[in-house]
Amino acid sequence: MSDNVALALLVYTGLQIFVTVHAMKQGSSSILPYLALVVLVAGIIPACRWFERRWVGLGDEEAADEALKPSFRRDQLLLWLLAIGLPFSLTAFFNIIFG
């Protein structure tokens, strides 16, 4: 899960920068990037830490348990949905409020 979290944070940050800069070019409020960064720090990093803490404490035998596979896949899917969907959702939300 640690690899997923690290990569998801990189993808989220890259998308957040790209989407925010694109929105700023369209005339959005200049406060938009700062609000996006606050959300990143206040929400995304603790959420990612939760995913990681949930899985990092498992030993090799526990991690190989097939009974945990559906839970691991669910957490992976949720993590990636947040990493990819949240930058677009946040930018749209801030554009509605400040646009």
PDB file of N, CA and C in Angstrom:
ATOM      1  N   MET A   1       0.829  -1.198   0.000  1.00  0.00           N
ATOM      2  CA  MET A   1       0.000   0.000   0.000  1.00  0.00           C
ATOM      3  C   MET A   1       0.866   1.252   0.000  1.00  0.00           C
ATOM      4  N   SER A   2       2.049   1.179   0.584  1.00  0.00           N
ATOM      5  CA  SER A   2       2.923   2.354   0.626  1.00  0.00           C
ATOM      6  C   SER A   2       3.255   2.854  -0.775  1.00  0.00           C
ATOM      7  N   ASP A   3       3.512   1.940  -1.697  1.00  0.00           N
ATOM      8  CA  ASP A   3       3.791   2.348  -3.075  1.00  0.00           C
ATOM      9  C   ASP A   3       2.572   3.017  -3.702  1.00  0.00           C
ATOM     10  N   ASN A   4       1.403   2.469  -3.445  1.00  0.00           N
ATOM     11  CA  ASN A   4       0.174   3.066  -3.968  1.00  0.00           C
ATOM     12  C   ASN A   4      -0.042   4.474  -3.413  1.00  0.00           C
ATOM     13  N   VAL A   5       0.185   4.652  -2.131  1.00  0.00           N
ATOM     14  CA  VAL A   5       0.001   5.948  -1.495  1.00  0.00           C
ATOM     15  C   VAL A   5       0.983   6.968  -2.070  1.00  0.00           C
ATOM     16  N   ALA A   6       2.246   6.579  -2.194  1.00  0.00           N
ATOM     17  CA  ALA A   6       3.256   7.501  -2.725  1.00  0.00           C
ATOM     18  C   ALA A   6       2.919   7.916  -4.152  1.00  0.00           C
ATOM     19  N   LEU A   7       2.583   6.962  -4.983  1.00  0.00           N
ATOM     20  CA  LEU A   7       2.249   7.275  -6.369  1.00  0.00           C
ATOM     21  C   LEU A   7       0.947   8.075  -6.463  1.00  0.00           C
ATOM     22  N   ALA A   8      -0.024   7.731  -5.647  1.00  0.00           N
ATOM     23  CA  ALA A   8      -1.291   8.469  -5.655  1.00  0.00           C
ATOM     24  C   ALA A   8      -1.087   9.926  -5.246  1.00  0.00           C
ATOM     25  N   LEU A   9      -0.208  10.176  -4.271  1.00  0.00           N
ATOM     26  CA  LEU A   9       0.082  11.565  -3.881  1.00  0.00           C
ATOM     27  C   LEU A   9       0.755  12.331  -5.014  1.00  0.00           C
ATOM     28  N   LEU A  10       1.649  11.675  -5.736  1.00  0.00           N
ATOM     29  CA  LEU A  10       2.286  12.319  -6.887  1.00  0.00           C
ATOM     30  C   LEU A  10       1.270  12.624  -7.980  1.00  0.00           C
ATOM     31  N   VAL A  11       0.416  11.657  -8.275  1.00  0.00           N
ATOM     32  CA  VAL A  11      -0.613  11.865  -9.298  1.00  0.00           C
ATOM     33  C   VAL A  11      -1.568  12.970  -8.869  1.00  0.00           C
ATOM     34  N   TYR A  12      -2.012  12.924  -7.621  1.00  0.00           N
ATOM     35  CA  TYR A  12      -2.918  13.955  -7.111  1.00  0.00           C
ATOM     36  C   TYR A  12      -2.289  15.342  -7.224  1.00  0.00           C
ATOM     37  N   THR A  13      -1.046  15.461  -6.784  1.00  0.00           N
ATOM     38  CA  THR A  13      -0.377  16.764  -6.813  1.00  0.00           C
ATOM     39  C   THR A  13      -0.211  17.263  -8.247  1.00  0.00           C
ATOM     40  N   GLY A  14       0.205  16.384  -9.150  1.00  0.00           N
ATOM     41  CA  GLY A  14       0.354  16.770 -10.552  1.00  0.00           C
ATOM     42  C   GLY A  14      -0.968  17.210 -11.156  1.00  0.00           C
ATOM     43  N   LEU A  15      -2.013  16.446 -10.907  1.00  0.00           N
ATOM     44  CA  LEU A  15      -3.329  16.830 -11.416  1.00  0.00           C
ATOM     45  C   LEU A  15      -3.817  18.125 -10.784  1.00  0.00           C
ATOM     46  N   GLN A  16      -3.589  18.262  -9.497  1.00  0.00           N
ATOM     47  CA  GLN A  16      -4.033  19.475  -8.803  1.00  0.00           C
ATOM     48  C   GLN A  16      -3.365  20.706  -9.400  1.00  0.00           C
ATOM     49  N   ILE A  17      -2.073  20.617  -9.646  1.00  0.00           N
ATOM     50  CA  ILE A  17      -1.348  21.748 -10.237  1.00  0.00           C
ATOM     51  C   ILE A  17      -1.867  22.015 -11.646  1.00  0.00           C
ATOM     52  N   PHE A  18      -1.988  20.975 -12.465  1.00  0.00           N
ATOM     53  CA  PHE A  18      -2.439  21.140 -13.841  1.00  0.00           C
ATOM     54  C   PHE A  18      -3.845  21.727 -13.900  1.00  0.00           C
ATOM     55  N   VAL A  19      -4.757  21.177 -13.124  1.00  0.00           N
ATOM     56  CA  VAL A  19      -6.147  21.626 -13.158  1.00  0.00           C
ATOM     57  C   VAL A  19      -6.272  23.033 -12.600  1.00  0.00           C
ATOM     58  N   THR A  20      -5.556  23.328 -11.529  1.00  0.00           N
ATOM     59  CA  THR A  20      -5.620  24.661 -10.924  1.00  0.00           C
ATOM     60  C   THR A  20      -5.039  25.717 -11.851  1.00  0.00           C
ATOM     61  N   VAL A  21      -3.897  25.426 -12.455  1.00  0.00           N
ATOM     62  CA  VAL A  21      -3.288  26.387 -13.384  1.00  0.00           C
ATOM     63  C   VAL A  21      -4.207  26.614 -14.579  1.00  0.00           C
ATOM     64  N   HIS A  22      -4.823  25.549 -15.073  1.00  0.00           N
ATOM     65  CA  HIS A  22      -5.761  25.686 -16.190  1.00  0.00           C
ATOM     66  C   HIS A  22      -6.947  26.556 -15.794  1.00  0.00           C
ATOM     67  N   ALA A  23      -7.461  26.365 -14.584  1.00  0.00           N
ATOM     68  CA  ALA A  23      -8.587  27.173 -14.105  1.00  0.00           C
ATOM     69  C   ALA A  23      -8.181  28.628 -13.928  1.00  0.00           C
ATOM     70  N   MET A  24      -6.939  28.862 -13.479  1.00  0.00           N
ATOM     71  CA  MET A  24      -6.475  30.237 -13.295  1.00  0.00           C
ATOM     72  C   MET A  24      -6.345  30.956 -14.637  1.00  0.00           C
ATOM     73  N   LYS A  25      -5.959  30.236 -15.668  1.00  0.00           N
ATOM     74  CA  LYS A  25      -5.848  30.835 -16.999  1.00  0.00           C
ATOM     75  C   LYS A  25      -7.215  31.242 -17.532  1.00  0.00           C
ATOM     76  N   GLN A  26      -8.259  30.594 -17.038  1.00  0.00           N
ATOM     77  CA  GLN A  26      -9.611  30.922 -17.465  1.00  0.00           C
ATOM     78  C   GLN A  26     -10.221  32.031 -16.622  1.00  0.00           C
ATOM     79  N   GLY A  27      -9.435  32.617 -15.730  1.00  0.00           N
ATOM     80  CA  GLY A  27      -9.892  33.770 -14.971  1.00  0.00           C
ATOM     81  C   GLY A  27     -10.471  33.470 -13.606  1.00  0.00           C
ATOM     82  N   SER A  28     -10.185  32.338 -13.045  1.00  0.00           N
ATOM     83  CA  SER A  28     -10.671  32.030 -11.706  1.00  0.00           C
ATOM     84  C   SER A  28      -9.970  32.909 -10.670  1.00  0.00           C
ATOM     85  N   SER A  29     -10.528  32.920  -9.504  1.00  0.00           N
ATOM     86  CA  SER A  29      -9.981  33.714  -8.410  1.00  0.00           C
ATOM     87  C   SER A  29      -8.546  33.307  -8.097  1.00  0.00           C
ATOM     88  N   SER A  30      -7.745  34.275  -7.678  1.00  0.00           N
ATOM     89  CA  SER A  30      -6.355  33.988  -7.364  1.00  0.00           C
ATOM     90  C   SER A  30      -6.206  33.235  -6.036  1.00  0.00           C
ATOM     91  N   ILE A  31      -7.259  33.148  -5.261  1.00  0.00           N
ATOM     92  CA  ILE A  31      -7.212  32.407  -4.006  1.00  0.00           C
ATOM     93  C   ILE A  31      -7.361  30.906  -4.241  1.00  0.00           C
ATOM     94  N   LEU A  32      -7.785  30.510  -5.414  1.00  0.00           N
ATOM     95  CA  LEU A  32      -8.022  29.110  -5.734  1.00  0.00           C
ATOM     96  C   LEU A  32      -6.824  28.209  -5.455  1.00  0.00           C
ATOM     97  N   PRO A  33      -5.608  28.549  -5.892  1.00  0.00           N
ATOM     98  CA  PRO A  33      -4.493  27.641  -5.607  1.00  0.00           C
ATOM     99  C   PRO A  33      -4.213  27.477  -4.117  1.00  0.00           C
ATOM    100  N   TYR A  34      -4.396  28.524  -3.351  1.00  0.00           N
ATOM    101  CA  TYR A  34      -4.144  28.440  -1.916  1.00  0.00           C
ATOM    102  C   TYR A  34      -5.178  27.560  -1.220  1.00  0.00           C
ATOM    103  N   LEU A  35      -6.429  27.678  -1.623  1.00  0.00           N
ATOM    104  CA  LEU A  35      -7.460  26.818  -1.050  1.00  0.00           C
ATOM    105  C   LEU A  35      -7.221  25.360  -1.428  1.00  0.00           C
ATOM    106  N   ALA A  36      -6.780  25.129  -2.652  1.00  0.00           N
ATOM    107  CA  ALA A  36      -6.485  23.768  -3.087  1.00  0.00           C
ATOM    108  C   ALA A  36      -5.342  23.177  -2.271  1.00  0.00           C
ATOM    109  N   LEU A  37      -4.317  23.961  -1.991  1.00  0.00           N
ATOM    110  CA  LEU A  37      -3.209  23.469  -1.190  1.00  0.00           C
ATOM    111  C   LEU A  37      -3.619  23.190   0.248  1.00  0.00           C
ATOM    112  N   VAL A  38      -4.489  24.026   0.786  1.00  0.00           N
ATOM    113  CA  VAL A  38      -4.984  23.787   2.140  1.00  0.00           C
ATOM    114  C   VAL A  38      -5.735  22.466   2.190  1.00  0.00           C
ATOM    115  N   VAL A  39      -6.556  22.217   1.175  1.00  0.00           N
ATOM    116  CA  VAL A  39      -7.294  20.952   1.125  1.00  0.00           C
ATOM    117  C   VAL A  39      -6.321  19.791   0.992  1.00  0.00           C
ATOM    118  N   LEU A  40      -5.284  19.967   0.185  1.00  0.00           N
ATOM    119  CA  LEU A  40      -4.280  18.918   0.014  1.00  0.00           C
ATOM    120  C   LEU A  40      -3.646  18.565   1.349  1.00  0.00           C
ATOM    121  N   VAL A  41      -3.196  19.559   2.067  1.00  0.00           N
ATOM    122  CA  VAL A  41      -2.518  19.312   3.338  1.00  0.00           C
ATOM    123  C   VAL A  41      -3.497  18.839   4.402  1.00  0.00           C
ATOM    124  N   ALA A  42      -4.645  19.488   4.486  1.00  0.00           N
ATOM    125  CA  ALA A  42      -5.590  19.195   5.563  1.00  0.00           C
ATOM    126  C   ALA A  42      -6.381  17.905   5.359  1.00  0.00           C
ATOM    127  N   GLY A  43      -6.548  17.487   4.116  1.00  0.00           N
ATOM    128  CA  GLY A  43      -7.391  16.336   3.871  1.00  0.00           C
ATOM    129  C   GLY A  43      -6.730  15.146   3.233  1.00  0.00           C
ATOM    130  N   ILE A  44      -5.928  15.380   2.232  1.00  0.00           N
ATOM    131  CA  ILE A  44      -5.407  14.278   1.439  1.00  0.00           C
ATOM    132  C   ILE A  44      -4.308  13.510   2.171  1.00  0.00           C
ATOM    133  N   ILE A  45      -3.366  14.216   2.717  1.00  0.00           N
ATOM    134  CA  ILE A  45      -2.244  13.538   3.372  1.00  0.00           C
ATOM    135  C   ILE A  45      -2.714  12.705   4.567  1.00  0.00           C
ATOM    136  N   PRO A  46      -3.566  13.225   5.452  1.00  0.00           N
ATOM    137  CA  PRO A  46      -4.056  12.356   6.532  1.00  0.00           C
ATOM    138  C   PRO A  46      -4.858  11.157   6.013  1.00  0.00           C
ATOM    139  N   ALA A  47      -5.625  11.350   4.949  1.00  0.00           N
ATOM    140  CA  ALA A  47      -6.379  10.225   4.384  1.00  0.00           C
ATOM    141  C   ALA A  47      -5.430   9.162   3.848  1.00  0.00           C
ATOM    142  N   CYS A  48      -4.381   9.596   3.165  1.00  0.00           N
ATOM    143  CA  CYS A  48      -3.398   8.641   2.648  1.00  0.00           C
ATOM    144  C   CYS A  48      -2.659   7.938   3.777  1.00  0.00           C
ATOM    145  N   ARG A  49      -2.364   8.660   4.827  1.00  0.00           N
ATOM    146  CA  ARG A  49      -1.707   8.033   5.984  1.00  0.00           C
ATOM    147  C   ARG A  49      -2.614   6.971   6.599  1.00  0.00           C
ATOM    148  N   TRP A  50      -3.921   7.210   6.596  1.00  0.00           N
ATOM    149  CA  TRP A  50      -4.855   6.228   7.130  1.00  0.00           C
ATOM    150  C   TRP A  50      -4.778   4.930   6.326  1.00  0.00           C
ATOM    151  N   PHE A  51      -4.786   5.061   4.991  1.00  0.00           N
ATOM    152  CA  PHE A  51      -4.675   3.878   4.139  1.00  0.00           C
ATOM    153  C   PHE A  51      -3.373   3.124   4.433  1.00  0.00           C
ATOM    154  N   GLU A  52      -2.290   3.866   4.526  1.00  0.00           N
ATOM    155  CA  GLU A  52      -0.996   3.226   4.743  1.00  0.00           C
ATOM    156  C   GLU A  52      -0.922   2.549   6.105  1.00  0.00           C
ATOM    157  N   ARG A  53      -1.356   3.239   7.157  1.00  0.00           N
ATOM    158  CA  ARG A  53      -1.313   2.662   8.494  1.00  0.00           C
ATOM    159  C   ARG A  53      -2.162   1.398   8.605  1.00  0.00           C
ATOM    160  N   ARG A  54      -3.225   1.372   7.840  1.00  0.00           N
ATOM    161  CA  ARG A  54      -4.105   0.211   7.891  1.00  0.00           C
ATOM    162  C   ARG A  54      -3.405  -1.051   7.390  1.00  0.00           C
ATOM    163  N   TRP A  55      -2.474  -0.899   6.434  1.00  0.00           N
ATOM    164  CA  TRP A  55      -1.866  -2.065   5.808  1.00  0.00           C
ATOM    165  C   TRP A  55      -0.400  -2.270   6.143  1.00  0.00           C
ATOM    166  N   VAL A  56       0.294  -1.259   6.619  1.00  0.00           N
ATOM    167  CA  VAL A  56       1.738  -1.366   6.809  1.00  0.00           C
ATOM    168  C   VAL A  56       2.120  -2.285   7.967  1.00  0.00           C
ATOM    169  N   GLY A  57       1.262  -2.477   8.936  1.00  0.00           N
ATOM    170  CA  GLY A  57       1.599  -3.276  10.103  1.00  0.00           C
ATOM    171  C   GLY A  57       1.488  -4.778   9.904  1.00  0.00           C
ATOM    172  N   LEU A  58       1.083  -5.198   8.725  1.00  0.00           N
ATOM    173  CA  LEU A  58       0.917  -6.632   8.491  1.00  0.00           C
ATOM    174  C   LEU A  58       2.253  -7.301   8.218  1.00  0.00           C
ATOM    175  N   GLY A  59       2.425  -8.491   8.758  1.00  0.00           N
ATOM    176  CA  GLY A  59       3.597  -9.292   8.444  1.00  0.00           C
ATOM    177  C   GLY A  59       3.425  -9.958   7.088  1.00  0.00           C
ATOM    178  N   ASP A  60       4.450 -10.648   6.633  1.00  0.00           N
ATOM    179  CA  ASP A  60       4.399 -11.297   5.319  1.00  0.00           C
ATOM    180  C   ASP A  60       3.277 -12.326   5.223  1.00  0.00           C
ATOM    181  N   GLU A  61       3.110 -13.128   6.271  1.00  0.00           N
ATOM    182  CA  GLU A  61       2.063 -14.151   6.247  1.00  0.00           C
ATOM    183  C   GLU A  61       0.668 -13.522   6.255  1.00  0.00           C
ATOM    184  N   GLU A  62       0.505 -12.482   7.053  1.00  0.00           N
ATOM    185  CA  GLU A  62      -0.791 -11.801   7.105  1.00  0.00           C
ATOM    186  C   GLU A  62      -1.105 -11.128   5.771  1.00  0.00           C
ATOM    187  N   ALA A  63      -0.110 -10.503   5.171  1.00  0.00           N
ATOM    188  CA  ALA A  63      -0.313  -9.808   3.898  1.00  0.00           C
ATOM    189  C   ALA A  63      -0.665 -10.769   2.772  1.00  0.00           C
ATOM    190  N   ALA A  64      -0.209 -12.012   2.874  1.00  0.00           N
ATOM    191  CA  ALA A  64      -0.492 -13.006   1.834  1.00  0.00           C
ATOM    192  C   ALA A  64      -1.848 -13.682   2.018  1.00  0.00           C
ATOM    193  N   ASP A  65      -2.553 -13.358   3.076  1.00  0.00           N
ATOM    194  CA  ASP A  65      -3.849 -13.962   3.352  1.00  0.00           C
ATOM    195  C   ASP A  65      -4.861 -13.558   2.279  1.00  0.00           C
ATOM    196  N   GLU A  66      -5.415 -14.550   1.599  1.00  0.00           N
ATOM    197  CA  GLU A  66      -6.377 -14.306   0.518  1.00  0.00           C
ATOM    198  C   GLU A  66      -7.663 -13.647   1.025  1.00  0.00           C
ATOM    199  N   ALA A  67      -7.971 -13.813   2.290  1.00  0.00           N
ATOM    200  CA  ALA A  67      -9.180 -13.209   2.846  1.00  0.00           C
ATOM    201  C   ALA A  67      -9.088 -11.685   2.883  1.00  0.00           C
ATOM    202  N   LEU A  68      -7.876 -11.140   2.906  1.00  0.00           N
ATOM    203  CA  LEU A  68      -7.684  -9.692   2.946  1.00  0.00           C
ATOM    204  C   LEU A  68      -7.660  -9.053   1.554  1.00  0.00           C
ATOM    205  N   LYS A  69      -7.566  -9.859   0.526  1.00  0.00           N
ATOM    206  CA  LYS A  69      -7.433  -9.336  -0.837  1.00  0.00           C
ATOM    207  C   LYS A  69      -8.592  -8.410  -1.243  1.00  0.00           C
ATOM    208  N   PRO A  70      -9.856  -8.766  -0.992  1.00  0.00           N
ATOM    209  CA  PRO A  70     -10.940  -7.842  -1.368  1.00  0.00           C
ATOM    210  C   PRO A  70     -10.862  -6.496  -0.631  1.00  0.00           C
ATOM    211  N   SER A  71     -10.499  -6.528   0.634  1.00  0.00           N
ATOM    212  CA  SER A  71     -10.362  -5.272   1.388  1.00  0.00           C
ATOM    213  C   SER A  71      -9.223  -4.423   0.851  1.00  0.00           C
ATOM    214  N   PHE A  72      -8.107  -5.074   0.503  1.00  0.00           N
ATOM    215  CA  PHE A  72      -6.964  -4.352  -0.046  1.00  0.00           C
ATOM    216  C   PHE A  72      -7.330  -3.713  -1.381  1.00  0.00           C
ATOM    217  N   ARG A  73      -8.006  -4.466  -2.251  1.00  0.00           N
ATOM    218  CA  ARG A  73      -8.420  -3.930  -3.558  1.00  0.00           C
ATOM    219  C   ARG A  73      -9.410  -2.785  -3.397  1.00  0.00           C
ATOM    220  N   ARG A  74     -10.324  -2.900  -2.426  1.00  0.00           N
ATOM    221  CA  ARG A  74     -11.279  -1.820  -2.173  1.00  0.00           C
ATOM    222  C   ARG A  74     -10.550  -0.548  -1.741  1.00  0.00           C
ATOM    223  N   ASP A  75      -9.583  -0.699  -0.837  1.00  0.00           N
ATOM    224  CA  ASP A  75      -8.819   0.458  -0.387  1.00  0.00           C
ATOM    225  C   ASP A  75      -7.994   1.053  -1.523  1.00  0.00           C
ATOM    226  N   GLN A  76      -7.419   0.196  -2.370  1.00  0.00           N
ATOM    227  CA  GLN A  76      -6.680   0.689  -3.531  1.00  0.00           C
ATOM    228  C   GLN A  76      -7.592   1.502  -4.442  1.00  0.00           C
ATOM    229  N   LEU A  77      -8.758   0.973  -4.732  1.00  0.00           N
ATOM    230  CA  LEU A  77      -9.700   1.657  -5.606  1.00  0.00           C
ATOM    231  C   LEU A  77     -10.123   2.996  -5.017  1.00  0.00           C
ATOM    232  N   LEU A  78     -10.447   3.018  -3.751  1.00  0.00           N
ATOM    233  CA  LEU A  78     -10.847   4.264  -3.093  1.00  0.00           C
ATOM    234  C   LEU A  78      -9.711   5.288  -3.116  1.00  0.00           C
ATOM    235  N   LEU A  79      -8.508   4.841  -2.833  1.00  0.00           N
ATOM    236  CA  LEU A  79      -7.346   5.726  -2.859  1.00  0.00           C
ATOM    237  C   LEU A  79      -7.175   6.365  -4.235  1.00  0.00           C
ATOM    238  N   TRP A  80      -7.264   5.553  -5.284  1.00  0.00           N
ATOM    239  CA  TRP A  80      -7.063   6.077  -6.637  1.00  0.00           C
ATOM    240  C   TRP A  80      -8.233   6.927  -7.105  1.00  0.00           C
ATOM    241  N   LEU A  81      -9.433   6.611  -6.672  1.00  0.00           N
ATOM    242  CA  LEU A  81     -10.568   7.483  -7.000  1.00  0.00           C
ATOM    243  C   LEU A  81     -10.392   8.864  -6.371  1.00  0.00           C
ATOM    244  N   LEU A  82      -9.913   8.889  -5.147  1.00  0.00           N
ATOM    245  CA  LEU A  82      -9.629  10.171  -4.494  1.00  0.00           C
ATOM    246  C   LEU A  82      -8.509  10.925  -5.198  1.00  0.00           C
ATOM    247  N   ALA A  83      -7.437  10.212  -5.520  1.00  0.00           N
ATOM    248  CA  ALA A  83      -6.271  10.855  -6.128  1.00  0.00           C
ATOM    249  C   ALA A  83      -6.590  11.439  -7.499  1.00  0.00           C
ATOM    250  N   ILE A  84      -7.424  10.769  -8.255  1.00  0.00           N
ATOM    251  CA  ILE A  84      -7.732  11.241  -9.608  1.00  0.00           C
ATOM    252  C   ILE A  84      -8.957  12.146  -9.627  1.00  0.00           C
ATOM    253  N   GLY A  85      -9.970  11.823  -8.853  1.00  0.00           N
ATOM    254  CA  GLY A  85     -11.211  12.582  -8.913  1.00  0.00           C
ATOM    255  C   GLY A  85     -11.219  13.871  -8.116  1.00  0.00           C
ATOM    256  N   LEU A  86     -10.510  13.897  -7.011  1.00  0.00           N
ATOM    257  CA  LEU A  86     -10.563  15.065  -6.137  1.00  0.00           C
ATOM    258  C   LEU A  86     -10.011  16.346  -6.754  1.00  0.00           C
ATOM    259  N   PRO A  87      -8.914  16.331  -7.509  1.00  0.00           N
ATOM    260  CA  PRO A  87      -8.454  17.589  -8.098  1.00  0.00           C
ATOM    261  C   PRO A  87      -9.507  18.237  -9.006  1.00  0.00           C
ATOM    262  N   PHE A  88     -10.189  17.430  -9.797  1.00  0.00           N
ATOM    263  CA  PHE A  88     -11.214  17.964 -10.682  1.00  0.00           C
ATOM    264  C   PHE A  88     -12.425  18.446  -9.885  1.00  0.00           C
ATOM    265  N   SER A  89     -12.816  17.691  -8.875  1.00  0.00           N
ATOM    266  CA  SER A  89     -13.957  18.069  -8.041  1.00  0.00           C
ATOM    267  C   SER A  89     -13.682  19.360  -7.272  1.00  0.00           C
ATOM    268  N   LEU A  90     -12.493  19.449  -6.686  1.00  0.00           N
ATOM    269  CA  LEU A  90     -12.143  20.663  -5.932  1.00  0.00           C
ATOM    270  C   LEU A  90     -12.105  21.890  -6.819  1.00  0.00           C
ATOM    271  N   THR A  91     -11.502  21.754  -7.980  1.00  0.00           N
ATOM    272  CA  THR A  91     -11.415  22.896  -8.890  1.00  0.00           C
ATOM    273  C   THR A  91     -12.800  23.319  -9.348  1.00  0.00           C
ATOM    274  N   ALA A  92     -13.658  22.371  -9.668  1.00  0.00           N
ATOM    275  CA  ALA A  92     -15.024  22.701 -10.070  1.00  0.00           C
ATOM    276  C   ALA A  92     -15.768  23.379  -8.931  1.00  0.00           C
ATOM    277  N   PHE A  93     -15.610  22.860  -7.724  1.00  0.00           N
ATOM    278  CA  PHE A  93     -16.246  23.445  -6.547  1.00  0.00           C
ATOM    279  C   PHE A  93     -15.782  24.879  -6.332  1.00  0.00           C
ATOM    280  N   PHE A  94     -14.471  25.112  -6.378  1.00  0.00           N
ATOM    281  CA  PHE A  94     -13.951  26.463  -6.156  1.00  0.00           C
ATOM    282  C   PHE A  94     -14.337  27.399  -7.296  1.00  0.00           C
ATOM    283  N   ASN A  95     -14.439  26.889  -8.507  1.00  0.00           N
ATOM    284  CA  ASN A  95     -14.878  27.717  -9.625  1.00  0.00           C
ATOM    285  C   ASN A  95     -16.323  28.147  -9.454  1.00  0.00           C
ATOM    286  N   ILE A  96     -17.157  27.276  -8.920  1.00  0.00           N
ATOM    287  CA  ILE A  96     -18.554  27.628  -8.691  1.00  0.00           C
ATOM    288  C   ILE A  96     -18.652  28.697  -7.607  1.00  0.00           C
ATOM    289  N   ILE A  97     -17.885  28.510  -6.541  1.00  0.00           N
ATOM    290  CA  ILE A  97     -17.927  29.461  -5.428  1.00  0.00           C
ATOM    291  C   ILE A  97     -17.323  30.808  -5.803  1.00  0.00           C
ATOM    292  N   PHE A  98     -16.136  30.790  -6.403  1.00  0.00           N
ATOM    293  CA  PHE A  98     -15.408  32.028  -6.665  1.00  0.00           C
ATOM    294  C   PHE A  98     -15.499  32.496  -8.111  1.00  0.00           C
ATOM    295  N   GLY A  99     -16.108  31.699  -8.958  1.00  0.00           N
ATOM    296  CA  GLY A  99     -16.160  32.029 -10.391  1.00  0.00           C
ATOM    297  C   GLY A  99     -17.231  32.978 -10.688  1.00  0.00           C
TER     298      GLY A  99
END
